[in-house]
Amino acid sequence: TFRIIWKVIIPEAKPALITGAVISTVTILGYSAMSGAVGGGGLGKLAIMYGYNRYQTDIMFITVVLLIVIVQVFQSFGNWATKRSDRRIS
């Protein structure tokens, strides 16, 4: 049974596991950005404290663009890794 797990089940589940990990990472990044509004820190706090409260729109714009770029990089890498690990796609 151990050989079945390592040779069949894990390779078949690998694309779904990678996709789940990417979705979890992007969700955590989104929550950390939102936590800045309530004092949680991170990029959200930077955007709120320096961009919104001090009317420095350039800092707010840069942080939003940085968050979008980080999310896109994670999603692109996740999609690439999922396609590479999927044995059904030739």
C-alpha atoms as a PDB file:
ATOM      1  CA  THR A   1       0.000   0.000   0.000  1.00  0.00           C
ATOM      2  CA  PHE A   2       2.901   2.399   0.634  1.00  0.00           C
ATOM      3  CA  ARG A   3       4.077   1.954  -2.962  1.00  0.00           C
ATOM      4  CA  ILE A   4       0.574   2.728  -4.253  1.00  0.00           C
ATOM      5  CA  ILE A   5       0.535   5.952  -2.264  1.00  0.00           C
ATOM      6  CA  TRP A   6       3.944   7.111  -3.550  1.00  0.00           C
ATOM      7  CA  LYS A   7       3.592   5.912  -7.147  1.00  0.00           C
ATOM      8  CA  VAL A   8      -0.082   6.617  -7.878  1.00  0.00           C
ATOM      9  CA  ILE A   9      -1.952   8.756  -5.383  1.00  0.00           C
ATOM     10  CA  ILE A  10       0.616  11.504  -4.733  1.00  0.00           C
ATOM     11  CA  PRO A  11       1.512  12.061  -8.422  1.00  0.00           C
ATOM     12  CA  GLU A  12      -2.186  12.266  -9.292  1.00  0.00           C
ATOM     13  CA  ALA A  13      -2.890  14.698  -6.451  1.00  0.00           C
ATOM     14  CA  LYS A  14       0.185  16.891  -7.006  1.00  0.00           C
ATOM     15  CA  PRO A  15      -1.477  19.436  -9.362  1.00  0.00           C
ATOM     16  CA  ALA A  16      -4.374  19.932  -6.960  1.00  0.00           C
ATOM     17  CA  LEU A  17      -1.983  20.283  -4.015  1.00  0.00           C
ATOM     18  CA  ILE A  18       0.065  22.916  -5.849  1.00  0.00           C
ATOM     19  CA  THR A  19      -3.066  24.825  -6.844  1.00  0.00           C
ATOM     20  CA  GLY A  20      -4.332  24.741  -3.262  1.00  0.00           C
ATOM     21  CA  ALA A  21      -1.012  26.010  -1.945  1.00  0.00           C
ATOM     22  CA  VAL A  22      -1.010  28.897  -4.432  1.00  0.00           C
ATOM     23  CA  ILE A  23      -4.581  29.856  -3.568  1.00  0.00           C
ATOM     24  CA  SER A  24      -3.739  29.732   0.144  1.00  0.00           C
ATOM     25  CA  THR A  25      -0.647  31.905  -0.355  1.00  0.00           C
ATOM     26  CA  VAL A  26      -2.544  34.519  -2.357  1.00  0.00           C
ATOM     27  CA  THR A  27      -5.356  34.534   0.203  1.00  0.00           C
ATOM     28  CA  ILE A  28      -2.912  35.024   3.076  1.00  0.00           C
ATOM     29  CA  LEU A  29      -1.261  37.865   1.150  1.00  0.00           C
ATOM     30  CA  GLY A  30      -4.660  39.493   0.632  1.00  0.00           C
ATOM     31  CA  TYR A  31      -5.569  39.133   4.299  1.00  0.00           C
ATOM     32  CA  SER A  32      -2.235  40.608   5.366  1.00  0.00           C
ATOM     33  CA  ALA A  33      -2.847  43.584   3.082  1.00  0.00           C
ATOM     34  CA  MET A  34      -6.334  44.067   4.544  1.00  0.00           C
ATOM     35  CA  SER A  35      -5.058  43.768   8.096  1.00  0.00           C
ATOM     36  CA  GLY A  36      -3.178  47.027   7.624  1.00  0.00           C
ATOM     37  CA  ALA A  37      -6.494  48.863   7.939  1.00  0.00           C
ATOM     38  CA  VAL A  38      -6.909  47.603  11.520  1.00  0.00           C
ATOM     39  CA  GLY A  39      -3.284  47.908  12.609  1.00  0.00           C
ATOM     40  CA  GLY A  40      -1.967  44.502  11.599  1.00  0.00           C
ATOM     41  CA  GLY A  41       1.109  45.766   9.777  1.00  0.00           C
ATOM     42  CA  GLY A  42       2.594  44.800   6.447  1.00  0.00           C
ATOM     43  CA  LEU A  43       2.037  46.397   3.067  1.00  0.00           C
ATOM     44  CA  GLY A  44      -1.533  47.272   3.972  1.00  0.00           C
ATOM     45  CA  LYS A  45      -0.358  49.362   6.894  1.00  0.00           C
ATOM     46  CA  LEU A  46       2.182  51.095   4.674  1.00  0.00           C
ATOM     47  CA  ALA A  47      -0.516  51.984   2.151  1.00  0.00           C
ATOM     48  CA  ILE A  48      -2.941  53.203   4.824  1.00  0.00           C
ATOM     49  CA  MET A  49      -0.516  55.097   7.066  1.00  0.00           C
ATOM     50  CA  TYR A  50       1.657  56.792   4.475  1.00  0.00           C
ATOM     51  CA  GLY A  51      -0.504  56.756   1.375  1.00  0.00           C
ATOM     52  CA  TYR A  52      -4.071  57.325   2.508  1.00  0.00           C
ATOM     53  CA  ASN A  53      -3.731  59.164   5.822  1.00  0.00           C
ATOM     54  CA  ARG A  54      -0.930  61.502   4.690  1.00  0.00           C
ATOM     55  CA  TYR A  55      -2.345  62.009   1.189  1.00  0.00           C
ATOM     56  CA  GLN A  56       0.760  60.621  -0.482  1.00  0.00           C
ATOM     57  CA  THR A  57      -0.918  58.997  -3.426  1.00  0.00           C
ATOM     58  CA  ASP A  58       2.362  57.905  -4.980  1.00  0.00           C
ATOM     59  CA  ILE A  59       3.158  55.638  -2.004  1.00  0.00           C
ATOM     60  CA  MET A  60      -0.378  54.238  -2.015  1.00  0.00           C
ATOM     61  CA  PHE A  61      -0.178  53.623  -5.769  1.00  0.00           C
ATOM     62  CA  ILE A  62       3.222  51.919  -5.485  1.00  0.00           C
ATOM     63  CA  THR A  63       2.032  49.606  -2.703  1.00  0.00           C
ATOM     64  CA  VAL A  64      -1.084  48.617  -4.627  1.00  0.00           C
ATOM     65  CA  VAL A  65       0.966  47.924  -7.764  1.00  0.00           C
ATOM     66  CA  LEU A  66       3.492  45.965  -5.683  1.00  0.00           C
ATOM     67  CA  LEU A  67       0.711  43.816  -4.204  1.00  0.00           C
ATOM     68  CA  ILE A  68      -0.713  43.155  -7.664  1.00  0.00           C
ATOM     69  CA  VAL A  69       2.719  42.187  -9.015  1.00  0.00           C
ATOM     70  CA  ILE A  70       3.380  39.833  -6.077  1.00  0.00           C
ATOM     71  CA  VAL A  71       0.005  38.131  -6.549  1.00  0.00           C
ATOM     72  CA  GLN A  72       0.547  37.780 -10.303  1.00  0.00           C
ATOM     73  CA  VAL A  73       4.013  36.271  -9.786  1.00  0.00           C
ATOM     74  CA  PHE A  74       2.655  33.712  -7.302  1.00  0.00           C
ATOM     75  CA  GLN A  75      -0.254  32.807  -9.575  1.00  0.00           C
ATOM     76  CA  SER A  76       1.894  32.563 -12.695  1.00  0.00           C
ATOM     77  CA  PHE A  77       4.435  30.349 -10.957  1.00  0.00           C
ATOM     78  CA  GLY A  78       1.630  28.214  -9.523  1.00  0.00           C
ATOM     79  CA  ASN A  79       0.008  27.780 -12.931  1.00  0.00           C
ATOM     80  CA  TRP A  80       3.360  26.859 -14.468  1.00  0.00           C
ATOM     81  CA  ALA A  81       4.126  24.349 -11.708  1.00  0.00           C
ATOM     82  CA  THR A  82       0.646  22.844 -11.966  1.00  0.00           C
ATOM     83  CA  LYS A  83       0.908  22.359 -15.718  1.00  0.00           C
ATOM     84  CA  ARG A  84       4.401  20.909 -15.380  1.00  0.00           C
ATOM     85  CA  SER A  85       3.372  18.394 -12.719  1.00  0.00           C
ATOM     86  CA  ASP A  86       0.149  17.286 -14.394  1.00  0.00           C
ATOM     87  CA  ARG A  87       0.751  13.982 -16.176  1.00  0.00           C
ATOM     88  CA  ARG A  88      -2.540  14.125 -18.077  1.00  0.00           C
ATOM     89  CA  ILE A  89      -1.357  17.070 -20.194  1.00  0.00           C
ATOM     90  CA  SER A  90       1.031  16.061 -22.956  1.00  0.00           C
END
